[in-house]
Amino acid sequence: MNKKFPAGEYGVPVALIIGKRKESTDKKTSLNEALREFNVEG
């Protein structure tokens, strides 16, 4: 399935979710990175 974007037309075989990233998302991902870095398992 082709999808037109401002940068061109691309074949998109999967669902593509485009949105703005929230500050809370950055906090969650930085926490995950820190847990991986220190080998902390939940």
PDB file of N, CA and C in Angstrom:
ATOM      1  N   MET A   1       0.849  -1.184   0.000  1.00  0.00           N
ATOM      2  CA  MET A   1       0.000   0.000   0.000  1.00  0.00           C
ATOM      3  C   MET A   1       0.889   1.240   0.000  1.00  0.00           C
ATOM      4  N   ASN A   2       0.705   2.122  -0.949  1.00  0.00           N
ATOM      5  CA  ASN A   2       1.483   3.350  -1.003  1.00  0.00           C
ATOM      6  C   ASN A   2       0.802   4.452  -0.210  1.00  0.00           C
ATOM      7  N   LYS A   3       1.619   5.242   0.447  1.00  0.00           N
ATOM      8  CA  LYS A   3       1.128   6.350   1.259  1.00  0.00           C
ATOM      9  C   LYS A   3       1.919   7.587   0.892  1.00  0.00           C
ATOM     10  N   LYS A   4       1.226   8.696   0.656  1.00  0.00           N
ATOM     11  CA  LYS A   4       1.894   9.941   0.297  1.00  0.00           C
ATOM     12  C   LYS A   4       2.205  10.763   1.547  1.00  0.00           C
ATOM     13  N   PHE A   5       3.450  11.216   1.626  1.00  0.00           N
ATOM     14  CA  PHE A   5       3.935  12.069   2.699  1.00  0.00           C
ATOM     15  C   PHE A   5       4.544  13.319   2.067  1.00  0.00           C
ATOM     16  N   PRO A   6       4.746  14.377   2.861  1.00  0.00           N
ATOM     17  CA  PRO A   6       5.401  15.571   2.303  1.00  0.00           C
ATOM     18  C   PRO A   6       6.772  15.260   1.692  1.00  0.00           C
ATOM     19  N   ALA A   7       7.464  14.240   2.217  1.00  0.00           N
ATOM     20  CA  ALA A   7       8.805  13.893   1.730  1.00  0.00           C
ATOM     21  C   ALA A   7       8.763  12.955   0.531  1.00  0.00           C
ATOM     22  N   GLY A   8       7.583  12.475   0.142  1.00  0.00           N
ATOM     23  CA  GLY A   8       7.479  11.578  -1.001  1.00  0.00           C
ATOM     24  C   GLY A   8       6.430  10.516  -0.795  1.00  0.00           C
ATOM     25  N   GLU A   9       6.422   9.536  -1.691  1.00  0.00           N
ATOM     26  CA  GLU A   9       5.458   8.441  -1.603  1.00  0.00           C
ATOM     27  C   GLU A   9       6.208   7.166  -1.257  1.00  0.00           C
ATOM     28  N   TYR A  10       5.696   6.438  -0.265  1.00  0.00           N
ATOM     29  CA  TYR A  10       6.384   5.258   0.233  1.00  0.00           C
ATOM     30  C   TYR A  10       5.415   4.091   0.345  1.00  0.00           C
ATOM     31  N   GLY A  11       5.939   2.887   0.116  1.00  0.00           N
ATOM     32  CA  GLY A  11       5.159   1.685   0.333  1.00  0.00           C
ATOM     33  C   GLY A  11       5.107   1.407   1.824  1.00  0.00           C
ATOM     34  N   VAL A  12       3.915   1.260   2.373  1.00  0.00           N
ATOM     35  CA  VAL A  12       3.750   1.045   3.811  1.00  0.00           C
ATOM     36  C   VAL A  12       3.033  -0.286   4.019  1.00  0.00           C
ATOM     37  N   PRO A  13       3.795  -1.367   4.341  1.00  0.00           N
ATOM     38  CA  PRO A  13       3.178  -2.674   4.508  1.00  0.00           C
ATOM     39  C   PRO A  13       2.564  -2.904   5.892  1.00  0.00           C
ATOM     40  N   VAL A  14       2.755  -1.980   6.805  1.00  0.00           N
ATOM     41  CA  VAL A  14       2.249  -2.129   8.178  1.00  0.00           C
ATOM     42  C   VAL A  14       1.556  -0.839   8.606  1.00  0.00           C
ATOM     43  N   ALA A  15       0.903  -0.901   9.745  1.00  0.00           N
ATOM     44  CA  ALA A  15       0.294   0.312  10.302  1.00  0.00           C
ATOM     45  C   ALA A  15       1.401   1.273  10.697  1.00  0.00           C
ATOM     46  N   LEU A  16       1.253   2.511  10.345  1.00  0.00           N
ATOM     47  CA  LEU A  16       2.254   3.527  10.640  1.00  0.00           C
ATOM     48  C   LEU A  16       1.600   4.592  11.500  1.00  0.00           C
ATOM     49  N   ILE A  17       2.124   4.760  12.712  1.00  0.00           N
ATOM     50  CA  ILE A  17       1.563   5.738  13.639  1.00  0.00           C
ATOM     51  C   ILE A  17       2.534   6.911  13.722  1.00  0.00           C
ATOM     52  N   ILE A  18       2.045   8.073  13.362  1.00  0.00           N
ATOM     53  CA  ILE A  18       2.880   9.269  13.388  1.00  0.00           C
ATOM     54  C   ILE A  18       2.247  10.256  14.357  1.00  0.00           C
ATOM     55  N   GLY A  19       3.036  10.703  15.299  1.00  0.00           N
ATOM     56  CA  GLY A  19       2.521  11.659  16.272  1.00  0.00           C
ATOM     57  C   GLY A  19       3.656  12.397  16.932  1.00  0.00           C
ATOM     58  N   LYS A  20       3.318  13.267  17.826  1.00  0.00           N
ATOM     59  CA  LYS A  20       4.331  14.017  18.551  1.00  0.00           C
ATOM     60  C   LYS A  20       4.681  13.267  19.828  1.00  0.00           C
ATOM     61  N   ARG A  21       5.952  13.258  20.133  1.00  0.00           N
ATOM     62  CA  ARG A  21       6.428  12.570  21.313  1.00  0.00           C
ATOM     63  C   ARG A  21       6.270  13.473  22.530  1.00  0.00           C
ATOM     64  N   LYS A  22       5.756  12.903  23.609  1.00  0.00           N
ATOM     65  CA  LYS A  22       5.538  13.675  24.830  1.00  0.00           C
ATOM     66  C   LYS A  22       6.767  13.586  25.734  1.00  0.00           C
ATOM     67  N   GLU A  23       6.889  14.523  26.636  1.00  0.00           N
ATOM     68  CA  GLU A  23       7.986  14.506  27.604  1.00  0.00           C
ATOM     69  C   GLU A  23       7.914  13.247  28.468  1.00  0.00           C
ATOM     70  N   SER A  24       6.692  12.795  28.802  1.00  0.00           N
ATOM     71  CA  SER A  24       6.537  11.600  29.627  1.00  0.00           C
ATOM     72  C   SER A  24       7.093  10.365  28.918  1.00  0.00           C
ATOM     73  N   THR A  25       6.993  10.326  27.587  1.00  0.00           N
ATOM     74  CA  THR A  25       7.554   9.211  26.829  1.00  0.00           C
ATOM     75  C   THR A  25       9.067   9.209  26.953  1.00  0.00           C
ATOM     76  N   ASP A  26       9.680  10.376  26.863  1.00  0.00           N
ATOM     77  CA  ASP A  26      11.137  10.469  27.010  1.00  0.00           C
ATOM     78  C   ASP A  26      11.579   9.992  28.384  1.00  0.00           C
ATOM     79  N   LYS A  27      10.803  10.319  29.418  1.00  0.00           N
ATOM     80  CA  LYS A  27      11.156   9.875  30.769  1.00  0.00           C
ATOM     81  C   LYS A  27      11.095   8.356  30.870  1.00  0.00           C
ATOM     82  N   LYS A  28      10.060   7.750  30.278  1.00  0.00           N
ATOM     83  CA  LYS A  28       9.923   6.295  30.326  1.00  0.00           C
ATOM     84  C   LYS A  28      11.053   5.603  29.576  1.00  0.00           C
ATOM     85  N   THR A  29      11.394   6.117  28.410  1.00  0.00           N
ATOM     86  CA  THR A  29      12.452   5.473  27.637  1.00  0.00           C
ATOM     87  C   THR A  29      13.806   5.653  28.307  1.00  0.00           C
ATOM     88  N   SER A  30      14.056   6.794  28.938  1.00  0.00           N
ATOM     89  CA  SER A  30      15.334   6.976  29.626  1.00  0.00           C
ATOM     90  C   SER A  30      15.422   6.053  30.840  1.00  0.00           C
ATOM     91  N   LEU A  31      14.316   5.798  31.518  1.00  0.00           N
ATOM     92  CA  LEU A  31      14.301   4.855  32.631  1.00  0.00           C
ATOM     93  C   LEU A  31      14.605   3.451  32.124  1.00  0.00           C
ATOM     94  N   ASN A  32      13.990   3.051  31.026  1.00  0.00           N
ATOM     95  CA  ASN A  32      14.254   1.725  30.456  1.00  0.00           C
ATOM     96  C   ASN A  32      15.726   1.575  30.087  1.00  0.00           C
ATOM     97  N   GLU A  33      16.317   2.599  29.493  1.00  0.00           N
ATOM     98  CA  GLU A  33      17.730   2.555  29.129  1.00  0.00           C
ATOM     99  C   GLU A  33      18.612   2.381  30.362  1.00  0.00           C
ATOM    100  N   ALA A  34      18.292   3.105  31.433  1.00  0.00           N
ATOM    101  CA  ALA A  34      19.077   3.009  32.667  1.00  0.00           C
ATOM    102  C   ALA A  34      18.955   1.610  33.273  1.00  0.00           C
ATOM    103  N   LEU A  35      17.745   1.050  33.268  1.00  0.00           N
ATOM    104  CA  LEU A  35      17.553  -0.293  33.810  1.00  0.00           C
ATOM    105  C   LEU A  35      18.340  -1.328  33.014  1.00  0.00           C
ATOM    106  N   ARG A  36      18.373  -1.192  31.695  1.00  0.00           N
ATOM    107  CA  ARG A  36      19.161  -2.103  30.855  1.00  0.00           C
ATOM    108  C   ARG A  36      20.655  -1.930  31.116  1.00  0.00           C
ATOM    109  N   GLU A  37      21.081  -0.682  31.244  1.00  0.00           N
ATOM    110  CA  GLU A  37      22.508  -0.398  31.443  1.00  0.00           C
ATOM    111  C   GLU A  37      23.018  -1.045  32.719  1.00  0.00           C
ATOM    112  N   PHE A  38      22.195  -1.046  33.776  1.00  0.00           N
ATOM    113  CA  PHE A  38      22.617  -1.603  35.055  1.00  0.00           C
ATOM    114  C   PHE A  38      22.105  -3.023  35.282  1.00  0.00           C
ATOM    115  N   ASN A  39      21.594  -3.648  34.204  1.00  0.00           N
ATOM    116  CA  ASN A  39      21.100  -5.036  34.251  1.00  0.00           C
ATOM    117  C   ASN A  39      20.085  -5.272  35.355  1.00  0.00           C
ATOM    118  N   VAL A  40      19.146  -4.365  35.501  1.00  0.00           N
ATOM    119  CA  VAL A  40      18.090  -4.488  36.507  1.00  0.00           C
ATOM    120  C   VAL A  40      16.898  -5.185  35.852  1.00  0.00           C
ATOM    121  N   GLU A  41      16.444  -6.288  36.457  1.00  0.00           N
ATOM    122  CA  GLU A  41      15.279  -7.010  35.928  1.00  0.00           C
ATOM    123  C   GLU A  41      14.091  -6.798  36.831  1.00  0.00           C
ATOM    124  N   GLY A  42      12.908  -6.738  36.220  1.00  0.00           N
ATOM    125  CA  GLY A  42      11.687  -6.470  36.975  1.00  0.00           C
ATOM    126  C   GLY A  42      10.944  -7.669  37.416  1.00  0.00           C
TER     127      GLY A  42
END
